[in-house]
Amino acid sequence: MRLSTLPNLSLSSGARDFIDDARLEGLLGGPASEPAVVRDLIAKSLAKEVLSTEETAVLLRATDPELIEAILDGARRLKNVVYGNRIVLFAPLYIGNDCVNDCLYCGFRRSNRAAVRRTLDPGDVARQVTALEQQGHKRLILVFGEHPRYDATFIAETVRQVYGVKFGPGEIRRVNINAAPLDVDGYRLVHSAGIGTYQVFQETYHHATYAQYHPENTRKGQHYLYRLDALDRAQEAGIDDVGIGALFGLYDWRFEVLGLVTHALHMQERFGVGPHTISFPRIQPAHNVQLPGTWTVSDADFMRLIAILRLAVPYTGMILTAREPAAVRDTVMEFGVSQIDAGSRIELGGYTEAENAQHAEREQFVLGDVRHLDEVMGELIGQGHLPSFCTACYRLGRTGEHFMEFAIPGFIKKFCTPNGLLTLQEYLVDYASEATRAAGERLIAAEVGRMEDDSLRRELEQRLARITGNGERDLYF
């Protein structure tokens, strides 16, 4: 797309369309993958080296069951090496669902007259955040429809309000954003409010499919490049934590994987830092929406795409959302996922008004996992995961945390595991059910007992005791 076709939109200084559909399709149509080459690429990834788009395509072309199992096993091992057994938890908070776009797969699309439109006012926001804090959440992602009323000023003001809501021992320590692309000045304004990650999903990297599902009379449909360039502008504005994603089920999942890897490599090349997170939601039913069925992603292929993304981009956090049912989440989590949402409600006002019932006309799509946070915490602990609400690195200025985990030996043992244990201890004391508390205490004791650094172990034990005995909170290394 030529820049001249984008009137009245501000792009980054080096904006270009770096997605070459023909090239990516050609890579997918290449020869069958040789077993030795696949195993060499897995070994390269386990050495924590980023894979190229061409190398990722080799993994995607592997169809032999033994090679697929080798890819899954490699992802399991890499996830353990890079991220350990931690799973970071967050919750989405939908602020408003007015939208000028008409995305054919979305319950919030402009032409959906059955959608119940609402924008939370300050009192609504305070009630929702209080309810989330009462569950034990410390990390939120605020979600906004793409509408002029949700401009940078509105987003920044909402972020500041969320940070200001404190109930009992509860507080929100990190606010991420999923909202419309902004210009550089807009990103600077939002950044000044102290946000964490800014997410913009391309939805599909395939140009013709993008045009098909985003009609040309909408802002999103007219401006593929404006959206593709969105997080470059965020980087220029000083936001070095950005999240990319694709909606799987609109087009060939293998093409979307290559699009995501190409996007990550573009960022790494241009800014020296890749995306902080990659999301890979599968399309789900939505009220008054007829879903495409041609490119449905099976559970088996879902496992493959997660594993391949983990191997291709070892340093990037990977988000698995509550779109997926609990059984699927429990299965695929081992292949590289590092963050999940829990206790989620995506209808406007859902944390105080839904009474655990889903209202399709108030949702963007239908959730697959509506378990309460405590239930998710208990099951994670039972599966050997360490649930974490840690936000230490962001607030201490250790930006590019994903690179530290990727590059610095011992980072997890020195910072991530101890900080995760401290936030888990907070949750156990303040919010956990009796069963979750007992299981969590056993997990903490086991993790502390495995620590090889005696001085670190003693300091951690002291801080854990300060949380339990003295009522201190927000302790971190």
Protein backbone atom coordinates (compact mmCIF):
# COMPACT_ATOMS: atom_id res chain seq x y z
CA MET A 1 0.00 0.00 0.00
CA ARG A 2 1.41 3.39 -0.98
CA LEU A 3 1.71 6.07 1.67
CA SER A 4 -0.22 8.40 -0.64
CA THR A 5 -3.33 6.29 -0.06
CA LEU A 6 -3.33 7.19 3.62
CA PRO A 7 -4.57 10.78 3.85
CA ASN A 8 -4.85 12.53 7.21
CA LEU A 9 -3.14 9.71 9.12
CA SER A 10 0.21 10.16 10.79
CA LEU A 11 2.62 7.27 10.32
CA SER A 12 5.96 6.53 11.95
CA SER A 13 9.08 8.00 10.39
CA GLY A 14 10.01 4.74 8.66
CA ALA A 15 6.58 3.27 7.98
CA ARG A 16 6.46 0.49 5.40
CA ASP A 17 4.35 -2.54 4.66
CA PHE A 18 6.76 -5.34 5.55
CA ILE A 19 4.25 -8.17 5.05
CA ASP A 20 4.79 -9.74 1.61
CA ASP A 21 1.89 -12.14 1.11
CA ALA A 22 3.41 -13.88 -1.91
CA ARG A 23 6.69 -14.48 -0.12
CA LEU A 24 5.02 -15.94 2.98
CA GLU A 25 2.74 -18.14 0.88
CA GLY A 26 5.78 -19.30 -1.05
CA LEU A 27 7.55 -20.29 2.15
CA LEU A 28 4.57 -22.35 3.24
CA GLY A 29 4.52 -24.07 -0.14
CA GLY A 30 8.13 -25.15 0.08
CA PRO A 31 9.39 -28.76 0.23
CA ALA A 32 8.61 -31.12 3.07
CA SER A 33 10.80 -30.45 6.09
CA GLU A 34 13.79 -32.72 6.57
CA PRO A 35 13.87 -34.28 10.06
CA ALA A 36 17.50 -33.32 10.64
CA VAL A 37 16.81 -29.69 9.73
CA VAL A 38 13.79 -29.54 12.06
CA ARG A 39 15.81 -30.95 14.94
CA ASP A 40 18.64 -28.50 14.26
CA LEU A 41 16.17 -25.61 14.42
CA ILE A 42 14.76 -26.88 17.71
CA ALA A 43 18.30 -27.04 19.06
CA LYS A 44 18.95 -23.49 17.86
CA SER A 45 15.85 -22.26 19.66
CA LEU A 46 16.82 -24.12 22.84
CA ALA A 47 20.11 -22.24 22.64
CA LYS A 48 17.84 -19.15 22.86
CA GLU A 49 18.48 -17.94 19.34
CA VAL A 50 15.64 -16.27 17.45
CA LEU A 51 14.45 -18.09 14.33
CA SER A 52 14.05 -16.33 10.99
CA THR A 53 10.80 -16.32 9.05
CA GLU A 54 12.27 -18.91 6.68
CA GLU A 55 13.27 -21.15 9.58
CA THR A 56 9.86 -20.80 11.17
CA ALA A 57 8.31 -21.90 7.88
CA VAL A 58 10.38 -25.12 8.05
CA LEU A 59 8.73 -25.94 11.39
CA LEU A 60 5.31 -25.10 9.94
CA ARG A 61 5.87 -27.47 7.01
CA ALA A 62 6.71 -30.37 9.32
CA THR A 63 3.79 -32.83 9.21
CA ASP A 64 5.34 -36.08 10.37
CA PRO A 65 3.85 -36.99 13.80
CA GLU A 66 7.30 -37.63 15.28
CA LEU A 67 8.54 -34.22 14.16
CA ILE A 68 5.42 -32.52 15.51
CA GLU A 69 5.99 -34.20 18.87
CA ALA A 70 9.63 -33.08 18.79
CA ILE A 71 8.45 -29.49 18.22
CA LEU A 72 6.01 -29.72 21.12
CA ASP A 73 8.68 -31.21 23.37
CA GLY A 74 11.16 -28.51 22.38
CA ALA A 75 8.62 -25.82 23.27
CA ARG A 76 8.00 -27.42 26.67
CA ARG A 77 11.72 -27.46 27.40
CA LEU A 78 12.30 -23.91 26.18
CA LYS A 79 9.40 -22.56 28.21
CA ASN A 80 10.86 -24.13 31.33
CA VAL A 81 14.33 -22.75 30.61
CA VAL A 82 13.22 -19.20 29.80
CA TYR A 83 10.22 -18.72 32.08
CA GLY A 84 10.37 -21.51 34.64
CA ASN A 85 7.05 -22.65 36.08
CA ARG A 86 5.63 -19.13 36.46
CA ILE A 87 2.27 -18.14 35.03
CA VAL A 88 1.48 -14.43 35.27
CA LEU A 89 -2.19 -13.59 35.85
CA PHE A 90 -4.24 -10.58 34.81
CA ALA A 91 -7.85 -9.60 34.12
CA PRO A 92 -9.48 -7.63 31.29
CA LEU A 93 -11.64 -4.61 32.12
CA TYR A 94 -13.84 -3.41 29.26
CA ILE A 95 -14.28 0.36 29.51
CA GLY A 96 -16.48 1.07 26.48
CA ASN A 97 -17.82 -0.71 23.40
CA ASP A 98 -18.75 2.15 21.09
CA CYS A 99 -16.98 1.45 17.80
CA VAL A 100 -16.74 3.03 14.35
CA ASN A 101 -15.41 -0.16 12.79
CA ASP A 102 -17.58 -2.87 11.26
CA CYS A 103 -15.39 -5.96 11.68
CA LEU A 104 -17.58 -8.84 10.55
CA TYR A 105 -16.47 -11.22 13.32
CA CYS A 106 -16.98 -8.84 16.27
CA GLY A 107 -20.00 -8.39 18.51
CA PHE A 108 -19.10 -4.72 18.95
CA ARG A 109 -19.15 -3.98 15.21
CA ARG A 110 -20.86 -0.76 14.23
CA SER A 111 -23.74 -2.38 12.32
CA ASN A 112 -24.71 -4.79 15.12
CA ARG A 113 -27.93 -3.13 16.30
CA ALA A 114 -28.43 -5.85 18.91
CA ALA A 115 -25.30 -4.84 20.83
CA VAL A 116 -25.90 -2.98 24.09
CA ARG A 117 -23.63 0.08 23.97
CA ARG A 118 -22.11 1.45 27.13
CA THR A 119 -19.13 3.42 28.36
CA LEU A 120 -18.23 3.13 32.02
CA ASP A 121 -18.33 6.43 33.91
CA PRO A 122 -15.83 7.15 36.73
CA GLY A 123 -18.13 5.63 39.33
CA ASP A 124 -18.56 2.48 37.23
CA VAL A 125 -14.79 2.20 36.79
CA ALA A 126 -14.21 2.51 40.53
CA ARG A 127 -16.77 -0.21 41.27
CA GLN A 128 -15.30 -2.58 38.68
CA VAL A 129 -11.72 -2.05 39.89
CA THR A 130 -12.79 -2.51 43.50
CA ALA A 131 -14.45 -5.81 42.60
CA LEU A 132 -11.29 -6.96 40.83
CA GLU A 133 -9.13 -5.97 43.77
CA GLN A 134 -11.43 -7.93 46.07
CA GLN A 135 -10.68 -11.01 43.99
CA GLY A 136 -6.95 -10.40 44.37
CA HIS A 137 -6.02 -9.00 40.97
CA LYS A 138 -3.00 -6.72 40.64
CA ARG A 139 -2.68 -6.49 36.84
CA LEU A 140 -5.38 -5.32 34.42
CA ILE A 141 -5.73 -4.74 30.72
CA LEU A 142 -8.19 -1.99 29.83
CA VAL A 143 -10.12 -2.62 26.62
CA PHE A 144 -11.69 0.14 24.54
CA GLY A 145 -13.74 0.07 21.36
CA GLU A 146 -12.26 1.97 18.43
CA HIS A 147 -14.14 5.26 18.62
CA PRO A 148 -13.13 8.93 18.71
CA ARG A 149 -14.53 9.32 22.22
CA TYR A 150 -11.86 6.90 23.44
CA ASP A 151 -9.00 9.18 22.51
CA ALA A 152 -5.59 9.39 24.17
CA THR A 153 -6.82 11.85 26.80
CA PHE A 154 -9.73 9.60 27.76
CA ILE A 155 -7.47 6.54 27.94
CA ALA A 156 -4.86 8.33 30.06
CA GLU A 157 -7.47 9.67 32.46
CA THR A 158 -8.97 6.20 32.86
CA VAL A 159 -5.56 4.69 33.56
CA ARG A 160 -4.88 7.24 36.30
CA GLN A 161 -8.26 6.57 37.84
CA VAL A 162 -7.65 2.82 37.90
CA TYR A 163 -4.31 3.28 39.65
CA GLY A 164 -6.04 5.50 42.22
CA VAL A 165 -8.61 2.90 43.33
CA LYS A 166 -7.47 1.03 46.44
CA PHE A 167 -9.64 -1.24 48.56
CA GLY A 168 -8.25 -2.81 51.73
CA PRO A 169 -4.91 -4.41 50.87
CA GLY A 170 -5.84 -4.34 47.18
CA GLU A 171 -4.33 -2.18 44.47
CA ILE A 172 -3.68 -2.35 40.75
CA ARG A 173 0.04 -2.20 40.06
CA ARG A 174 0.10 -2.52 36.28
CA VAL A 175 -2.39 -1.30 33.69
CA ASN A 176 -2.01 -2.52 30.11
CA ILE A 177 -4.04 -1.19 27.18
CA ASN A 178 -5.89 -2.74 24.25
CA ALA A 179 -7.27 0.12 22.19
CA ALA A 180 -7.24 1.81 18.80
CA PRO A 181 -3.94 2.76 17.15
CA LEU A 182 -2.84 6.28 18.03
CA ASP A 183 -0.45 8.80 16.55
CA VAL A 184 2.90 9.42 18.23
CA ASP A 185 1.63 12.32 20.34
CA GLY A 186 -1.32 10.22 21.50
CA TYR A 187 0.97 7.40 22.56
CA ARG A 188 3.15 9.85 24.46
CA LEU A 189 0.13 11.09 26.39
CA VAL A 190 -1.00 7.59 27.29
CA HIS A 191 2.57 6.62 28.19
CA SER A 192 2.71 9.52 30.65
CA ALA A 193 -0.11 7.90 32.65
CA GLY A 194 2.19 5.02 33.54
CA ILE A 195 0.82 2.25 31.36
CA GLY A 196 2.50 -1.09 30.92
CA THR A 197 2.00 -2.78 27.55
CA TYR A 198 0.03 -1.26 24.66
CA GLN A 199 -1.59 -3.92 22.50
CA VAL A 200 -2.73 -3.56 18.91
CA PHE A 201 -3.65 -6.75 17.07
CA GLN A 202 -3.42 -6.85 13.29
CA GLU A 203 -6.26 -9.43 13.38
CA THR A 204 -5.02 -11.00 10.12
CA TYR A 205 -1.77 -10.31 8.28
CA HIS A 206 -3.21 -11.53 4.97
CA HIS A 207 -4.12 -8.44 2.95
CA ALA A 208 -7.11 -9.83 1.02
CA THR A 209 -8.58 -11.42 4.15
CA TYR A 210 -8.07 -8.20 6.07
CA ALA A 211 -10.05 -6.32 3.43
CA GLN A 212 -12.74 -9.02 3.42
CA TYR A 213 -13.48 -8.81 7.15
CA HIS A 214 -12.91 -5.07 7.58
CA PRO A 215 -15.21 -3.33 5.08
CA GLU A 216 -13.74 -0.38 3.26
CA ASN A 217 -16.06 2.18 4.82
CA THR A 218 -14.37 1.73 8.19
CA ARG A 219 -11.18 3.23 9.51
CA LYS A 220 -9.64 -0.19 10.15
CA GLY A 221 -10.55 -1.51 6.71
CA GLN A 222 -9.07 1.43 4.83
CA HIS A 223 -5.76 1.47 6.63
CA TYR A 224 -3.93 -1.86 6.85
CA LEU A 225 -0.60 -0.04 6.92
CA TYR A 226 -1.76 2.45 9.55
CA ARG A 227 -2.58 -0.49 11.83
CA LEU A 228 0.56 -2.44 10.92
CA ASP A 229 2.61 0.64 11.76
CA ALA A 230 0.74 1.30 15.02
CA LEU A 231 3.30 -0.15 17.39
CA ASP A 232 6.21 1.41 15.53
CA ARG A 233 4.62 4.74 16.43
CA ALA A 234 4.27 3.56 20.02
CA GLN A 235 7.99 2.75 20.08
CA GLU A 236 8.80 6.19 18.69
CA ALA A 237 6.71 7.66 21.53
CA GLY A 238 8.79 5.83 24.14
CA ILE A 239 6.55 2.83 24.81
CA ASP A 240 8.98 -0.07 24.69
CA ASP A 241 6.47 -2.65 25.92
CA VAL A 242 4.06 -3.43 23.09
CA GLY A 243 1.94 -6.45 22.27
CA ILE A 244 1.10 -7.94 18.88
CA GLY A 245 -1.51 -10.53 17.99
CA ALA A 246 -3.59 -12.21 15.31
CA LEU A 247 -7.12 -13.58 15.42
CA PHE A 248 -6.78 -17.21 14.37
CA GLY A 249 -9.57 -18.58 12.24
CA LEU A 250 -9.83 -15.79 9.68
CA TYR A 251 -7.12 -17.24 7.44
CA ASP A 252 -4.56 -20.06 7.31
CA TRP A 253 -3.07 -20.32 10.79
CA ARG A 254 0.36 -21.06 9.35
CA PHE A 255 0.34 -17.76 7.43
CA GLU A 256 -0.64 -15.86 10.58
CA VAL A 257 2.25 -17.44 12.49
CA LEU A 258 4.64 -16.21 9.80
CA GLY A 259 3.01 -12.78 9.97
CA LEU A 260 3.53 -12.58 13.72
CA VAL A 261 7.16 -13.72 13.46
CA THR A 262 7.81 -11.26 10.63
CA HIS A 263 6.32 -8.47 12.74
CA ALA A 264 8.46 -9.41 15.74
CA LEU A 265 11.61 -9.51 13.62
CA HIS A 266 10.75 -6.14 12.08
CA MET A 267 10.52 -4.56 15.53
CA GLN A 268 13.73 -6.18 16.67
CA GLU A 269 15.54 -4.92 13.57
CA ARG A 270 14.15 -1.39 13.71
CA PHE A 271 14.07 -0.70 17.45
CA GLY A 272 16.39 -3.28 18.98
CA VAL A 273 13.48 -4.68 21.00
CA GLY A 274 10.78 -7.06 19.88
CA PRO A 275 7.21 -7.24 21.16
CA HIS A 276 6.75 -7.77 24.88
CA THR A 277 3.88 -10.16 24.24
CA ILE A 278 2.28 -12.16 21.45
CA SER A 279 -1.40 -13.10 21.58
CA PHE A 280 -3.03 -15.81 19.47
CA PRO A 281 -6.77 -15.89 20.24
CA ARG A 282 -8.99 -18.23 18.24
CA ILE A 283 -12.17 -16.72 16.87
CA GLN A 284 -15.18 -17.40 19.08
CA PRO A 285 -18.95 -17.02 18.66
CA ALA A 286 -20.40 -13.55 19.19
CA HIS A 287 -23.96 -12.30 19.47
CA ASN A 288 -25.60 -11.67 16.07
CA VAL A 289 -22.40 -12.66 14.23
CA GLN A 290 -21.98 -15.40 11.62
CA LEU A 291 -18.49 -16.80 11.91
CA PRO A 292 -16.36 -17.98 9.02
CA GLY A 293 -15.68 -21.71 9.07
CA THR A 294 -13.11 -22.18 6.31
CA TRP A 295 -10.03 -21.63 8.46
CA THR A 296 -11.13 -23.17 11.78
CA VAL A 297 -8.10 -24.03 13.92
CA SER A 298 -8.30 -27.46 15.56
CA ASP A 299 -7.02 -28.07 19.08
CA ALA A 300 -4.11 -30.07 17.66
CA ASP A 301 -3.11 -27.24 15.32
CA PHE A 302 -3.58 -24.77 18.18
CA MET A 303 -0.96 -26.68 20.17
CA ARG A 304 1.36 -26.66 17.16
CA LEU A 305 1.08 -22.94 16.53
CA ILE A 306 1.75 -22.11 20.18
CA ALA A 307 4.78 -24.39 20.25
CA ILE A 308 6.17 -22.97 17.01
CA LEU A 309 5.72 -19.38 18.18
CA ARG A 310 7.50 -20.28 21.42
CA LEU A 311 10.44 -21.72 19.50
CA ALA A 312 10.56 -18.91 16.94
CA VAL A 313 10.56 -16.01 19.42
CA PRO A 314 12.02 -17.36 22.68
CA TYR A 315 12.15 -14.01 24.50
CA THR A 316 8.54 -12.92 24.07
CA GLY A 317 5.76 -13.42 26.60
CA MET A 318 2.84 -15.41 25.21
CA ILE A 319 -0.75 -14.73 26.29
CA LEU A 320 -3.48 -17.38 26.39
CA THR A 321 -6.89 -15.83 27.01
CA ALA A 322 -10.14 -17.06 28.53
CA ARG A 323 -11.59 -17.33 25.03
CA GLU A 324 -10.41 -20.93 25.34
CA PRO A 325 -12.26 -23.45 27.55
CA ALA A 326 -10.55 -24.57 30.73
CA ALA A 327 -9.60 -28.01 29.40
CA VAL A 328 -7.85 -26.52 26.36
CA ARG A 329 -6.07 -23.93 28.48
CA ASP A 330 -4.79 -26.59 30.86
CA THR A 331 -3.45 -28.62 27.93
CA VAL A 332 -1.76 -25.94 25.84
CA MET A 333 -0.30 -23.97 28.73
CA GLU A 334 2.74 -26.21 28.85
CA PHE A 335 3.88 -25.33 25.32
CA GLY A 336 5.08 -21.82 25.99
CA VAL A 337 2.32 -19.71 27.53
CA SER A 338 3.56 -17.29 30.18
CA GLN A 339 0.44 -15.17 30.88
CA ILE A 340 -3.27 -15.94 31.26
CA ASP A 341 -6.34 -14.02 32.37
CA ALA A 342 -8.52 -15.46 35.12
CA GLY A 343 -11.85 -14.64 36.70
CA SER A 344 -12.57 -12.70 33.52
CA ARG A 345 -15.80 -10.95 32.53
CA ILE A 346 -15.94 -9.10 29.22
CA GLU A 347 -19.41 -7.56 29.39
CA LEU A 348 -19.47 -3.90 30.40
CA GLY A 349 -19.93 -3.79 34.18
CA GLY A 350 -19.58 -7.55 34.37
CA TYR A 351 -17.58 -7.77 37.58
CA THR A 352 -20.40 -6.33 39.68
CA GLU A 353 -23.55 -6.70 37.60
CA ALA A 354 -23.42 -10.02 35.75
CA GLU A 355 -23.84 -12.29 38.79
CA ASN A 356 -21.67 -14.91 37.12
CA ALA A 357 -23.99 -15.07 34.11
CA GLN A 358 -22.84 -14.15 30.62
CA HIS A 359 -24.91 -11.70 28.59
CA ALA A 360 -24.06 -12.24 24.93
CA GLU A 361 -25.50 -8.94 23.74
CA ARG A 362 -23.09 -7.12 26.07
CA GLU A 363 -19.98 -9.07 25.04
CA GLN A 364 -17.47 -8.80 22.21
CA PHE A 365 -17.44 -12.60 21.97
CA VAL A 366 -18.31 -15.61 24.14
CA LEU A 367 -15.79 -16.63 26.82
CA GLY A 368 -14.74 -20.25 27.11
CA ASP A 369 -13.37 -20.13 30.67
CA VAL A 370 -15.43 -18.31 33.32
CA ARG A 371 -13.85 -19.88 36.40
CA HIS A 372 -13.32 -17.64 39.43
CA LEU A 373 -9.78 -16.47 40.05
CA ASP A 374 -9.40 -18.61 43.15
CA GLU A 375 -10.41 -21.74 41.26
CA VAL A 376 -7.84 -20.99 38.56
CA MET A 377 -5.18 -20.29 41.20
CA GLY A 378 -5.88 -23.59 42.93
CA GLU A 379 -5.69 -25.56 39.70
CA LEU A 380 -2.49 -23.85 38.57
CA ILE A 381 -0.85 -24.66 41.89
CA GLY A 382 -2.08 -28.25 41.67
CA GLN A 383 -0.49 -28.58 38.23
CA GLY A 384 2.88 -27.37 39.54
CA HIS A 385 2.68 -23.82 38.17
CA LEU A 386 3.66 -20.76 40.18
CA PRO A 387 0.87 -18.15 39.81
CA SER A 388 2.41 -14.68 39.85
CA PHE A 389 1.09 -11.13 40.01
CA CYS A 390 4.59 -9.64 39.91
CA THR A 391 5.12 -6.15 38.48
CA ALA A 392 8.54 -5.44 39.95
CA CYS A 393 10.65 -5.11 36.83
CA TYR A 394 8.37 -2.53 35.24
CA ARG A 395 8.33 -0.32 38.30
CA LEU A 396 12.07 -0.64 38.95
CA GLY A 397 12.92 0.42 35.41
CA ARG A 398 14.13 -3.02 34.36
CA THR A 399 12.54 -2.49 30.98
CA GLY A 400 12.77 -5.18 28.40
CA GLU A 401 12.22 -7.81 31.07
CA HIS A 402 11.71 -10.42 28.36
CA PHE A 403 15.25 -9.83 27.14
CA MET A 404 16.66 -10.17 30.64
CA GLU A 405 14.92 -13.51 31.05
CA PHE A 406 16.14 -14.45 27.61
CA ALA A 407 19.73 -13.35 27.93
CA ILE A 408 20.87 -13.21 31.55
CA PRO A 409 21.59 -16.53 33.28
CA GLY A 410 19.93 -16.79 36.66
CA PHE A 411 17.46 -13.96 36.09
CA ILE A 412 14.47 -16.17 36.89
CA LYS A 413 16.08 -17.58 40.03
CA LYS A 414 17.22 -14.17 41.28
CA PHE A 415 14.14 -12.08 40.50
CA CYS A 416 11.17 -13.80 38.88
CA THR A 417 10.67 -16.79 41.15
CA PRO A 418 11.20 -14.89 44.44
CA ASN A 419 8.94 -12.05 43.33
CA GLY A 420 6.30 -14.48 42.11
CA LEU A 421 6.38 -16.23 45.48
CA LEU A 422 5.95 -12.92 47.30
CA THR A 423 2.88 -12.00 45.27
CA LEU A 424 1.48 -15.49 45.75
CA GLN A 425 1.94 -15.12 49.51
CA GLU A 426 -0.01 -11.86 49.40
CA TYR A 427 -2.85 -13.60 47.59
CA LEU A 428 -2.90 -16.52 50.01
CA VAL A 429 -3.08 -14.25 53.05
CA ASP A 430 -5.60 -11.75 51.67
CA TYR A 431 -7.93 -13.60 49.29
CA ALA A 432 -7.44 -17.35 48.97
CA SER A 433 -9.93 -20.04 49.92
CA GLU A 434 -8.79 -22.50 52.58
CA ALA A 435 -7.96 -25.19 50.03
CA THR A 436 -6.01 -22.82 47.77
CA ARG A 437 -4.16 -21.37 50.76
CA ALA A 438 -3.03 -24.80 51.94
CA ALA A 439 -1.88 -25.84 48.46
CA GLY A 440 -0.13 -22.51 47.92
CA GLU A 441 1.75 -22.74 51.19
CA ARG A 442 3.03 -26.17 50.21
CA LEU A 443 4.16 -24.81 46.84
CA ILE A 444 5.97 -21.88 48.43
CA ALA A 445 7.75 -24.17 50.90
CA ALA A 446 8.86 -26.46 48.09
CA GLU A 447 10.10 -23.59 45.91
CA VAL A 448 12.01 -22.00 48.80
CA GLY A 449 13.52 -25.36 49.67
CA ARG A 450 14.88 -25.75 46.14
CA MET A 451 16.77 -22.45 46.22
CA GLU A 452 20.53 -22.92 45.95
CA ASP A 453 21.51 -19.39 46.98
CA ASP A 454 21.47 -19.43 50.79
CA SER A 455 21.50 -15.65 51.23
CA LEU A 456 18.67 -15.17 48.73
CA ARG A 457 16.66 -17.92 50.41
CA ARG A 458 17.07 -16.34 53.85
CA GLU A 459 16.09 -12.90 52.57
CA LEU A 460 13.05 -14.35 50.80
CA GLU A 461 11.99 -16.21 53.96
CA GLN A 462 12.22 -12.96 55.91
CA ARG A 463 10.09 -11.10 53.38
CA LEU A 464 7.50 -13.88 53.28
CA ALA A 465 7.29 -13.66 57.07
CA ARG A 466 6.86 -9.88 56.90
CA ILE A 467 3.87 -10.36 54.60
CA THR A 468 2.28 -13.00 56.80
CA GLY A 469 3.17 -11.65 60.23
CA ASN A 470 3.50 -7.88 59.81
CA GLY A 471 0.88 -7.25 57.15
CA GLU A 472 3.46 -5.71 54.79
CA ARG A 473 2.68 -5.70 51.08
CA ASP A 474 4.35 -5.01 47.73
CA LEU A 475 7.76 -6.38 48.68
CA TYR A 476 9.98 -7.31 45.78
CA PHE A 477 13.56 -7.84 44.66
